[in-house]
Amino acid sequence: MLNQSCLEFIDALASSKPVPGGGGASALVGSVGMALGSMVGNLTVGKKKYADVEEDMRALLVESEVLIRRFNELVKEDAEVFEPLSRAYGLPSGTEEEKAEKERVLQEVLVKATLVPMEIAENCLAAMKLLEQYAKKGSRIVISDAGVGVIFCKSALQGAKLNVLINLKLMKDETLKSKYSEQIKAVELEGLRLADEVYEYVEGLLCC
């Protein structure tokens, strides 16, 4: 899916097709946010002024690359888990047997459709932790990009959260529903706090 041009992806996103949707878009935004962190790292390594953080930057770049690759995979995976859900919505429900079968299929695919945006949200939090390090140790010339990256990841996390919630709304398994609900709340709580801290830190360094 990401082999398309940016314009093709945006056109597909704007269309009436079921995919890509908000989950895939959130994964892409998370990937872009993390890539901005990598940019800060790549513009910091090799600079005499930042020799004392050279090893830290190189380690961050390796971790960032892993996250970017995973985000990119999640764009595709979100589409793959949403398509069966979309088909389940369209199953016939004229008889009691059809209603029961539709509900069975729906509940089965809802779990997979919930786990992908959950991972997107968790990866956004992981990306924010790396962006915090880029902001504090990276080149001051590009510190604004670390701030932009963390705001992108904050938006992506909240977008992924909404995709988790819309699936939980239909989920009948109360145990799973409660587990995933608590999981996404914890990720969001930590993520929003960290994103705001990093943003304010960067803003504080840039304000005149």
Protein backbone atom coordinates (compact mmCIF):
# COMPACT_ATOMS: atom_id res chain seq x y z
CA MET A 1 0.00 0.00 0.00
CA LEU A 2 2.85 2.38 0.82
CA ASN A 3 4.36 1.59 -2.56
CA GLN A 4 1.76 3.99 -3.91
CA SER A 5 2.73 7.61 -4.31
CA CYS A 6 1.62 9.98 -1.55
CA LEU A 7 -1.00 11.41 -3.90
CA GLU A 8 -2.36 7.96 -4.75
CA PHE A 9 -2.58 7.04 -1.06
CA ILE A 10 -4.39 10.28 -0.24
CA ASP A 11 -6.79 9.76 -3.15
CA ALA A 12 -7.55 6.23 -1.90
CA LEU A 13 -8.01 7.57 1.63
CA ALA A 14 -10.48 10.19 0.40
CA SER A 15 -12.50 7.69 -1.66
CA SER A 16 -15.53 5.66 -0.59
CA LYS A 17 -13.46 2.47 -0.43
CA PRO A 18 -13.33 0.84 3.02
CA VAL A 19 -9.52 0.90 3.09
CA PRO A 20 -7.24 2.63 3.78
CA GLY A 21 -8.96 4.23 6.75
CA GLY A 22 -8.22 6.01 9.99
CA GLY A 23 -6.10 3.19 11.41
CA GLY A 24 -3.80 3.03 8.40
CA ALA A 25 -3.58 6.80 8.27
CA SER A 26 -2.62 6.85 11.96
CA ALA A 27 0.14 4.31 11.32
CA LEU A 28 1.45 6.42 8.45
CA VAL A 29 1.45 9.58 10.57
CA GLY A 30 3.30 7.69 13.31
CA SER A 31 5.88 6.58 10.76
CA VAL A 32 6.36 10.16 9.55
CA GLY A 33 6.71 11.35 13.14
CA MET A 34 9.38 8.77 13.86
CA ALA A 35 11.14 9.58 10.58
CA LEU A 36 11.47 13.19 11.74
CA GLY A 37 13.30 11.88 14.79
CA SER A 38 15.63 9.91 12.55
CA MET A 39 16.29 13.07 10.57
CA VAL A 40 17.41 14.82 13.76
CA GLY A 41 19.66 11.86 14.53
CA ASN A 42 21.21 11.76 11.08
CA LEU A 43 21.91 15.49 11.21
CA THR A 44 23.56 15.09 14.62
CA VAL A 45 25.92 12.14 14.07
CA GLY A 46 29.36 13.01 12.78
CA LYS A 47 29.24 16.54 14.20
CA LYS A 48 32.17 17.45 16.44
CA LYS A 49 29.88 19.56 18.63
CA TYR A 50 27.78 16.49 19.45
CA ALA A 51 30.56 13.91 19.76
CA ASP A 52 29.55 13.16 23.36
CA VAL A 53 26.15 11.84 22.22
CA GLU A 54 27.36 10.11 19.05
CA GLU A 55 26.84 6.59 20.38
CA ASP A 56 23.43 7.46 21.83
CA MET A 57 22.32 8.91 18.48
CA ARG A 58 23.44 5.85 16.56
CA ALA A 59 21.56 3.57 18.97
CA LEU A 60 18.44 5.76 18.63
CA LEU A 61 18.67 5.57 14.85
CA VAL A 62 18.67 1.77 14.95
CA GLU A 63 15.60 1.71 17.24
CA SER A 64 13.87 4.31 15.09
CA GLU A 65 14.37 2.31 11.91
CA VAL A 66 12.72 -0.73 13.53
CA LEU A 67 9.71 1.36 14.52
CA ILE A 68 9.41 3.02 11.11
CA ARG A 69 9.40 -0.39 9.40
CA ARG A 70 6.76 -1.69 11.81
CA PHE A 71 4.57 1.38 11.35
CA ASN A 72 4.75 0.87 7.59
CA GLU A 73 3.72 -2.77 7.95
CA LEU A 74 0.82 -1.72 10.17
CA VAL A 75 -0.58 0.51 7.42
CA LYS A 76 -1.12 -2.63 5.35
CA GLU A 77 -2.17 -4.81 8.30
CA ASP A 78 -4.87 -2.34 9.32
CA ALA A 79 -6.41 -2.65 5.87
CA GLU A 80 -6.12 -6.46 6.01
CA VAL A 81 -8.02 -6.73 9.33
CA PHE A 82 -10.66 -4.15 8.40
CA GLU A 83 -11.76 -5.83 5.18
CA PRO A 84 -13.17 -8.95 6.94
CA LEU A 85 -14.91 -6.64 9.41
CA SER A 86 -16.44 -4.69 6.55
CA ARG A 87 -17.65 -7.94 4.97
CA ALA A 88 -19.12 -9.07 8.31
CA TYR A 89 -21.23 -5.91 8.51
CA GLY A 90 -22.77 -6.88 5.18
CA LEU A 91 -23.71 -10.46 6.07
CA PRO A 92 -27.44 -11.27 5.85
CA SER A 93 -29.47 -11.09 9.06
CA GLY A 94 -32.98 -11.94 7.92
CA THR A 95 -33.35 -15.11 9.99
CA GLU A 96 -32.30 -16.03 13.54
CA GLU A 97 -29.66 -18.38 12.13
CA GLU A 98 -28.27 -15.65 9.89
CA LYS A 99 -28.24 -13.18 12.80
CA ALA A 100 -26.36 -15.66 14.96
CA GLU A 101 -23.81 -16.40 12.23
CA LYS A 102 -23.32 -12.70 11.50
CA GLU A 103 -22.72 -12.02 15.19
CA ARG A 104 -20.27 -14.93 15.48
CA VAL A 105 -18.22 -13.74 12.52
CA LEU A 106 -18.37 -10.12 13.69
CA GLN A 107 -17.08 -10.94 17.17
CA GLU A 108 -14.29 -13.05 15.73
CA VAL A 109 -12.96 -10.35 13.39
CA LEU A 110 -13.44 -7.55 15.94
CA VAL A 111 -10.57 -8.87 18.06
CA LYS A 112 -8.07 -8.75 15.19
CA ALA A 113 -9.42 -5.36 14.11
CA THR A 114 -8.77 -4.08 17.65
CA LEU A 115 -5.26 -5.43 18.10
CA VAL A 116 -3.77 -3.65 15.09
CA PRO A 117 -4.69 -0.08 16.14
CA MET A 118 -3.71 -1.06 19.69
CA GLU A 119 -0.21 -1.84 18.41
CA ILE A 120 -0.16 1.40 16.42
CA ALA A 121 -0.92 3.32 19.63
CA GLU A 122 1.76 1.42 21.57
CA ASN A 123 4.33 2.09 18.86
CA CYS A 124 3.42 5.79 18.93
CA LEU A 125 4.28 5.81 22.63
CA ALA A 126 7.56 4.02 21.91
CA ALA A 127 8.33 6.57 19.18
CA MET A 128 7.64 9.46 21.58
CA LYS A 129 10.19 8.06 24.02
CA LEU A 130 12.82 8.09 21.27
CA LEU A 131 11.77 11.57 20.14
CA GLU A 132 12.27 12.80 23.70
CA GLN A 133 15.90 11.70 23.45
CA TYR A 134 16.31 13.29 20.02
CA ALA A 135 14.91 16.55 21.41
CA LYS A 136 17.26 16.57 24.39
CA LYS A 137 20.43 15.29 22.73
CA GLY A 138 20.06 16.11 19.03
CA SER A 139 21.33 19.07 17.03
CA ARG A 140 19.74 22.34 18.13
CA ILE A 141 19.48 23.37 14.48
CA VAL A 142 16.72 20.80 13.87
CA ILE A 143 15.19 20.57 17.34
CA SER A 144 11.87 21.86 15.95
CA ASP A 145 11.62 18.65 13.90
CA ALA A 146 11.77 16.55 17.06
CA GLY A 147 8.83 18.63 18.34
CA VAL A 148 6.90 18.16 15.10
CA GLY A 149 7.61 14.43 15.26
CA VAL A 150 6.22 14.08 18.76
CA ILE A 151 3.05 16.00 17.86
CA PHE A 152 2.56 13.74 14.85
CA CYS A 153 2.92 10.68 17.08
CA LYS A 154 0.50 12.18 19.61
CA SER A 155 -2.11 12.64 16.87
CA ALA A 156 -1.45 9.15 15.54
CA LEU A 157 -1.86 7.65 19.03
CA GLN A 158 -5.20 9.38 19.53
CA GLY A 159 -6.32 8.35 16.05
CA ALA A 160 -5.42 4.74 16.78
CA LYS A 161 -7.26 5.00 20.10
CA LEU A 162 -10.48 5.98 18.33
CA ASN A 163 -10.12 2.93 16.09
CA VAL A 164 -9.74 0.73 19.16
CA LEU A 165 -12.80 2.30 20.81
CA ILE A 166 -15.11 1.90 17.83
CA ASN A 167 -14.34 -1.83 17.81
CA LEU A 168 -14.75 -2.18 21.57
CA LYS A 169 -18.19 -0.61 21.30
CA LEU A 170 -19.38 -3.69 19.40
CA MET A 171 -17.39 -6.28 21.33
CA LYS A 172 -19.54 -8.63 23.44
CA ASP A 173 -16.76 -10.37 25.36
CA GLU A 174 -16.72 -8.17 28.47
CA THR A 175 -13.43 -9.60 29.73
CA LEU A 176 -11.58 -8.73 26.53
CA LYS A 177 -13.41 -5.43 26.26
CA SER A 178 -12.30 -4.40 29.75
CA LYS A 179 -8.73 -5.57 29.14
CA TYR A 180 -8.33 -3.63 25.88
CA SER A 181 -10.09 -0.59 27.32
CA GLU A 182 -7.67 -0.39 30.24
CA GLN A 183 -4.73 -1.06 27.93
CA ILE A 184 -5.50 1.82 25.58
CA LYS A 185 -6.25 4.18 28.47
CA ALA A 186 -2.82 3.49 29.99
CA VAL A 187 -1.05 4.01 26.65
CA GLU A 188 -2.91 7.25 26.02
CA LEU A 189 -2.32 8.60 29.53
CA GLU A 190 1.44 8.08 29.32
CA GLY A 191 1.62 9.14 25.69
CA LEU A 192 -0.23 12.44 26.06
CA ARG A 193 1.77 13.38 29.13
CA LEU A 194 5.06 12.65 27.42
CA ALA A 195 4.06 14.36 24.15
CA ASP A 196 3.07 17.53 25.98
CA GLU A 197 6.30 17.51 28.01
CA VAL A 198 8.48 17.13 24.92
CA TYR A 199 6.51 19.73 22.96
CA GLU A 200 6.77 22.25 25.79
CA TYR A 201 10.49 21.51 26.16
CA VAL A 202 11.10 22.17 22.47
CA GLU A 203 8.83 25.22 22.44
CA GLY A 204 10.66 26.60 25.47
CA LEU A 205 14.00 26.39 23.66
CA LEU A 206 12.60 28.11 20.57
CA CYS A 207 10.62 30.91 22.17
CA CYS A 208 12.27 34.34 21.98
